[in-house]
């Protein structure tokens, strides 16, 4: 539940409560390393969307770092354009809204 407005890499305010839960979880498991992967919708060119998706991932990393999580435990990557994996059509507004997101994946537990 970490989403963004159209053409924006700033976190929506309600995403912060979700990230607070992630921060608490990471604090409990200090050996865990996460990949933070951002995505953009199909609007705009591939180079622009790659940059935007990376900026979204970096916004999440910066938020978690502000909560005391060591940046070395977070790997920001951009996934570029995503295509409505929520079952909506890629051109549908709800599909595009879903595509403007960040996914978290555990890559390592020490």
N, C-alpha and C. Protein backbone atom coordinates (compact mmCIF):
# COMPACT_ATOMS: atom_id res chain seq x y z
N UNK A 1 0.81 -1.20 0.00
CA UNK A 1 0.00 0.00 0.00
C UNK A 1 0.85 1.26 0.00
N UNK A 2 1.84 1.28 -0.86
CA UNK A 2 2.71 2.45 -0.99
C UNK A 2 2.52 2.96 -2.42
N UNK A 3 1.74 4.03 -2.53
CA UNK A 3 1.36 4.54 -3.84
C UNK A 3 1.72 6.01 -3.99
N UNK A 4 1.66 6.48 -5.24
CA UNK A 4 2.06 7.84 -5.59
C UNK A 4 1.05 8.47 -6.53
N UNK A 5 1.04 9.79 -6.55
CA UNK A 5 0.23 10.52 -7.51
C UNK A 5 0.89 10.45 -8.89
N UNK A 6 0.13 10.78 -9.90
CA UNK A 6 0.60 10.81 -11.27
C UNK A 6 1.81 11.73 -11.39
N UNK A 7 2.87 11.26 -12.02
CA UNK A 7 4.11 12.02 -12.27
C UNK A 7 4.71 12.60 -11.00
N UNK A 8 4.68 11.86 -9.89
CA UNK A 8 5.17 12.39 -8.62
C UNK A 8 5.92 11.29 -7.87
N UNK A 9 7.00 11.67 -7.21
CA UNK A 9 7.76 10.69 -6.42
C UNK A 9 7.63 10.94 -4.92
N UNK A 10 6.79 11.90 -4.53
CA UNK A 10 6.56 12.15 -3.11
C UNK A 10 5.53 11.14 -2.59
N UNK A 11 5.79 10.65 -1.39
CA UNK A 11 4.89 9.67 -0.78
C UNK A 11 3.53 10.29 -0.49
N UNK A 12 2.47 9.54 -0.75
CA UNK A 12 1.14 9.95 -0.30
C UNK A 12 1.13 9.81 1.22
N UNK A 13 0.43 10.69 1.90
CA UNK A 13 0.47 10.70 3.37
C UNK A 13 0.04 9.37 3.99
N UNK A 14 -0.93 8.69 3.40
CA UNK A 14 -1.37 7.43 4.00
C UNK A 14 -0.38 6.30 3.77
N UNK A 15 0.57 6.48 2.87
CA UNK A 15 1.62 5.48 2.68
C UNK A 15 2.58 5.47 3.86
N UNK A 16 2.68 6.59 4.55
CA UNK A 16 3.62 6.70 5.66
C UNK A 16 3.26 5.76 6.81
N UNK A 17 1.98 5.56 7.06
CA UNK A 17 1.60 4.63 8.13
C UNK A 17 2.01 3.20 7.77
N UNK A 18 1.93 2.86 6.50
CA UNK A 18 2.39 1.54 6.07
C UNK A 18 3.90 1.42 6.24
N UNK A 19 4.62 2.48 5.90
CA UNK A 19 6.07 2.46 6.03
C UNK A 19 6.51 2.47 7.49
N UNK A 20 5.70 3.05 8.36
CA UNK A 20 6.00 2.99 9.79
C UNK A 20 5.98 1.54 10.26
N UNK A 21 5.05 0.75 9.75
CA UNK A 21 4.99 -0.68 10.08
C UNK A 21 6.24 -1.41 9.57
N UNK A 22 6.68 -1.05 8.37
CA UNK A 22 7.89 -1.65 7.80
C UNK A 22 9.09 -1.28 8.67
N UNK A 23 9.17 -0.03 9.08
CA UNK A 23 10.27 0.43 9.93
C UNK A 23 10.31 -0.35 11.24
N UNK A 24 9.16 -0.54 11.86
CA UNK A 24 9.08 -1.31 13.10
C UNK A 24 9.54 -2.75 12.88
N UNK A 25 9.14 -3.33 11.78
CA UNK A 25 9.51 -4.70 11.45
C UNK A 25 11.03 -4.80 11.25
N UNK A 26 11.58 -3.85 10.50
CA UNK A 26 13.02 -3.86 10.26
C UNK A 26 13.80 -3.65 11.56
N UNK A 27 13.25 -2.87 12.46
CA UNK A 27 13.90 -2.66 13.75
C UNK A 27 13.95 -3.95 14.56
N UNK A 28 12.93 -4.77 14.45
CA UNK A 28 12.87 -6.05 15.17
C UNK A 28 13.82 -7.09 14.57
N UNK A 29 14.11 -6.94 13.27
CA UNK A 29 14.97 -7.89 12.56
C UNK A 29 16.14 -7.14 11.93
N UNK A 30 17.15 -6.81 12.71
CA UNK A 30 18.24 -5.96 12.23
C UNK A 30 19.13 -6.58 11.16
N UNK A 31 19.00 -7.87 10.92
CA UNK A 31 19.80 -8.50 9.87
C UNK A 31 19.10 -8.56 8.52
N UNK A 32 17.92 -8.02 8.44
CA UNK A 32 17.13 -8.08 7.21
C UNK A 32 17.52 -6.96 6.25
N UNK A 33 17.64 -7.32 4.98
CA UNK A 33 17.94 -6.36 3.92
C UNK A 33 16.79 -6.39 2.92
N UNK A 34 16.31 -5.21 2.53
CA UNK A 34 15.18 -5.11 1.60
C UNK A 34 15.58 -4.50 0.27
N UNK A 35 14.98 -5.01 -0.79
CA UNK A 35 14.99 -4.32 -2.08
C UNK A 35 13.73 -3.47 -2.11
N UNK A 36 13.88 -2.22 -2.43
CA UNK A 36 12.77 -1.28 -2.56
C UNK A 36 12.68 -0.94 -4.04
N UNK A 37 11.66 -1.47 -4.70
CA UNK A 37 11.55 -1.34 -6.16
C UNK A 37 10.36 -0.48 -6.53
N UNK A 38 10.65 0.64 -7.20
CA UNK A 38 9.61 1.56 -7.63
C UNK A 38 9.13 1.26 -9.03
N UNK A 39 7.88 1.68 -9.30
CA UNK A 39 7.28 1.50 -10.62
C UNK A 39 6.56 2.77 -11.05
N UNK A 40 6.37 2.90 -12.34
CA UNK A 40 5.62 4.01 -12.92
C UNK A 40 4.52 3.41 -13.80
N UNK A 41 3.51 4.24 -14.12
CA UNK A 41 2.47 3.74 -15.03
C UNK A 41 2.95 3.87 -16.48
N UNK A 42 2.09 3.57 -17.41
CA UNK A 42 2.48 3.53 -18.82
C UNK A 42 2.49 4.90 -19.49
N UNK A 43 2.19 5.95 -18.75
CA UNK A 43 2.20 7.30 -19.31
C UNK A 43 3.63 7.82 -19.30
N UNK A 44 4.08 8.40 -20.40
CA UNK A 44 5.45 8.93 -20.48
C UNK A 44 6.39 7.94 -21.14
N UNK A 45 7.56 8.43 -21.50
CA UNK A 45 8.55 7.60 -22.17
C UNK A 45 9.28 6.67 -21.21
N UNK A 46 9.96 5.68 -21.77
CA UNK A 46 10.62 4.67 -20.93
C UNK A 46 11.75 5.27 -20.10
N UNK A 47 12.51 6.20 -20.64
CA UNK A 47 13.60 6.82 -19.88
C UNK A 47 13.04 7.63 -18.70
N UNK A 48 11.99 8.41 -18.97
CA UNK A 48 11.35 9.19 -17.92
C UNK A 48 10.78 8.28 -16.83
N UNK A 49 10.09 7.22 -17.23
CA UNK A 49 9.48 6.31 -16.26
C UNK A 49 10.53 5.55 -15.45
N UNK A 50 11.66 5.24 -16.07
CA UNK A 50 12.73 4.59 -15.32
C UNK A 50 13.24 5.52 -14.23
N UNK A 51 13.45 6.78 -14.57
CA UNK A 51 13.93 7.77 -13.59
C UNK A 51 12.89 7.97 -12.48
N UNK A 52 11.62 8.11 -12.86
CA UNK A 52 10.55 8.31 -11.89
C UNK A 52 10.42 7.11 -10.95
N UNK A 53 10.51 5.92 -11.49
CA UNK A 53 10.39 4.72 -10.65
C UNK A 53 11.55 4.63 -9.65
N UNK A 54 12.74 5.01 -10.07
CA UNK A 54 13.89 5.04 -9.17
C UNK A 54 13.70 6.10 -8.09
N UNK A 55 13.21 7.26 -8.46
CA UNK A 55 12.95 8.33 -7.49
C UNK A 55 11.91 7.89 -6.45
N UNK A 56 10.93 7.14 -6.87
CA UNK A 56 9.92 6.63 -5.94
C UNK A 56 10.55 5.67 -4.94
N UNK A 57 11.40 4.78 -5.42
CA UNK A 57 12.08 3.86 -4.52
C UNK A 57 12.97 4.63 -3.55
N UNK A 58 13.65 5.64 -4.03
CA UNK A 58 14.52 6.45 -3.17
C UNK A 58 13.72 7.22 -2.13
N UNK A 59 12.50 7.65 -2.46
CA UNK A 59 11.64 8.32 -1.48
C UNK A 59 11.33 7.39 -0.32
N UNK A 60 11.06 6.15 -0.63
CA UNK A 60 10.77 5.17 0.43
C UNK A 60 12.01 4.92 1.27
N UNK A 61 13.16 4.75 0.62
CA UNK A 61 14.41 4.54 1.35
C UNK A 61 14.67 5.73 2.28
N UNK A 62 14.53 6.94 1.76
CA UNK A 62 14.77 8.13 2.58
C UNK A 62 13.83 8.20 3.78
N UNK A 63 12.58 7.81 3.59
CA UNK A 63 11.63 7.81 4.70
C UNK A 63 12.07 6.81 5.77
N UNK A 64 12.43 5.61 5.34
CA UNK A 64 12.84 4.58 6.31
C UNK A 64 14.14 4.99 7.03
N UNK A 65 15.04 5.61 6.32
CA UNK A 65 16.27 6.10 6.95
C UNK A 65 15.93 7.16 7.99
N UNK A 66 14.94 8.02 7.69
CA UNK A 66 14.54 9.05 8.65
C UNK A 66 13.95 8.43 9.92
N UNK A 67 13.51 7.18 9.83
CA UNK A 67 12.95 6.46 10.98
C UNK A 67 14.03 5.64 11.71
N UNK A 68 15.29 5.79 11.29
CA UNK A 68 16.38 5.13 11.99
C UNK A 68 16.90 3.85 11.36
N UNK A 69 16.41 3.49 10.19
CA UNK A 69 16.88 2.28 9.51
C UNK A 69 18.17 2.61 8.75
N UNK A 70 19.19 1.77 8.91
CA UNK A 70 20.46 1.96 8.23
C UNK A 70 20.28 1.83 6.72
N UNK A 71 20.77 2.82 6.00
CA UNK A 71 20.60 2.84 4.54
C UNK A 71 21.26 1.63 3.86
N UNK A 72 22.28 1.06 4.51
CA UNK A 72 22.96 -0.11 3.95
C UNK A 72 22.03 -1.32 3.85
N UNK A 73 20.92 -1.29 4.56
CA UNK A 73 19.97 -2.40 4.56
C UNK A 73 18.88 -2.24 3.51
N UNK A 74 18.94 -1.18 2.71
CA UNK A 74 17.89 -0.86 1.75
C UNK A 74 18.49 -0.65 0.37
N UNK A 75 17.98 -1.37 -0.61
CA UNK A 75 18.48 -1.28 -1.98
C UNK A 75 17.38 -0.70 -2.87
N UNK A 76 17.56 0.55 -3.29
CA UNK A 76 16.56 1.21 -4.14
C UNK A 76 16.82 0.88 -5.60
N UNK A 77 15.77 0.41 -6.28
CA UNK A 77 15.87 0.15 -7.72
C UNK A 77 14.60 0.64 -8.40
N UNK A 78 14.75 0.98 -9.65
CA UNK A 78 13.60 1.39 -10.44
C UNK A 78 13.21 0.28 -11.40
N UNK A 79 11.93 -0.04 -11.42
CA UNK A 79 11.43 -1.08 -12.31
C UNK A 79 10.87 -0.54 -13.60
N UNK A 80 10.89 0.80 -13.75
CA UNK A 80 10.34 1.41 -14.96
C UNK A 80 8.84 1.30 -15.00
N UNK A 81 8.33 1.03 -16.17
CA UNK A 81 6.88 0.96 -16.38
C UNK A 81 6.35 -0.40 -15.97
N UNK A 82 5.26 -0.39 -15.23
CA UNK A 82 4.55 -1.59 -14.83
C UNK A 82 3.25 -1.62 -15.62
N UNK A 83 2.69 -2.79 -15.81
CA UNK A 83 1.46 -2.89 -16.61
C UNK A 83 0.33 -3.55 -15.86
N UNK A 84 -0.38 -2.80 -15.06
CA UNK A 84 -1.65 -3.17 -14.43
C UNK A 84 -1.71 -4.61 -13.98
N UNK A 85 -0.85 -4.96 -13.05
CA UNK A 85 -0.82 -6.32 -12.52
C UNK A 85 -1.99 -6.60 -11.59
N UNK A 86 -2.85 -5.62 -11.37
CA UNK A 86 -3.99 -5.82 -10.47
C UNK A 86 -5.22 -6.34 -11.21
N UNK A 87 -5.07 -6.72 -12.46
CA UNK A 87 -6.18 -7.25 -13.21
C UNK A 87 -6.88 -6.22 -14.07
N UNK A 88 -6.57 -4.93 -13.88
CA UNK A 88 -7.16 -3.88 -14.71
C UNK A 88 -6.41 -3.82 -16.04
N UNK A 89 -7.02 -3.21 -16.99
CA UNK A 89 -6.34 -2.98 -18.26
C UNK A 89 -5.32 -1.87 -18.07
N UNK A 90 -4.19 -1.97 -18.78
CA UNK A 90 -3.11 -0.99 -18.62
C UNK A 90 -3.58 0.43 -18.91
N UNK A 91 -4.53 0.62 -19.80
CA UNK A 91 -4.99 1.97 -20.12
C UNK A 91 -6.07 2.47 -19.18
N UNK A 92 -6.58 1.62 -18.33
CA UNK A 92 -7.64 1.97 -17.39
C UNK A 92 -7.07 2.81 -16.25
N UNK A 93 -7.78 3.86 -15.81
CA UNK A 93 -7.26 4.70 -14.72
C UNK A 93 -6.93 3.93 -13.44
N UNK A 94 -7.73 2.93 -13.08
CA UNK A 94 -7.43 2.19 -11.85
C UNK A 94 -6.18 1.33 -12.05
N UNK A 95 -5.96 0.85 -13.24
CA UNK A 95 -4.74 0.10 -13.54
C UNK A 95 -3.52 0.99 -13.47
N UNK A 96 -3.61 2.18 -14.04
CA UNK A 96 -2.49 3.13 -13.99
C UNK A 96 -2.21 3.55 -12.55
N UNK A 97 -3.24 3.75 -11.76
CA UNK A 97 -3.07 4.14 -10.36
C UNK A 97 -2.31 3.04 -9.61
N UNK A 98 -2.67 1.80 -9.83
CA UNK A 98 -2.00 0.68 -9.18
C UNK A 98 -0.54 0.61 -9.60
N UNK A 99 -0.26 0.93 -10.85
CA UNK A 99 1.10 0.84 -11.37
C UNK A 99 2.05 1.85 -10.74
N UNK A 100 1.53 2.92 -10.15
CA UNK A 100 2.36 3.94 -9.51
C UNK A 100 2.61 3.54 -8.06
N UNK A 101 3.55 2.63 -7.86
CA UNK A 101 3.73 2.03 -6.55
C UNK A 101 5.20 1.67 -6.29
N UNK A 102 5.43 1.17 -5.08
CA UNK A 102 6.71 0.61 -4.68
C UNK A 102 6.44 -0.75 -4.06
N UNK A 103 7.27 -1.71 -4.40
CA UNK A 103 7.19 -3.04 -3.81
C UNK A 103 8.43 -3.28 -2.96
N UNK A 104 8.26 -4.02 -1.88
CA UNK A 104 9.35 -4.37 -0.99
C UNK A 104 9.57 -5.86 -1.06
N UNK A 105 10.85 -6.26 -1.11
CA UNK A 105 11.18 -7.68 -1.19
C UNK A 105 12.38 -7.96 -0.28
N UNK A 106 12.25 -8.96 0.55
CA UNK A 106 13.37 -9.36 1.40
C UNK A 106 14.42 -10.04 0.54
N UNK A 107 15.66 -9.52 0.56
CA UNK A 107 16.71 -10.11 -0.25
C UNK A 107 17.75 -10.84 0.59
N UNK A 108 17.74 -10.56 1.89
CA UNK A 108 18.73 -11.19 2.74
C UNK A 108 18.30 -11.10 4.20
N UNK A 109 18.56 -12.17 4.93
CA UNK A 109 18.36 -12.16 6.38
C UNK A 109 19.63 -12.74 6.98
N UNK A 110 20.27 -11.95 7.83
CA UNK A 110 21.53 -12.40 8.46
C UNK A 110 21.24 -13.12 9.76
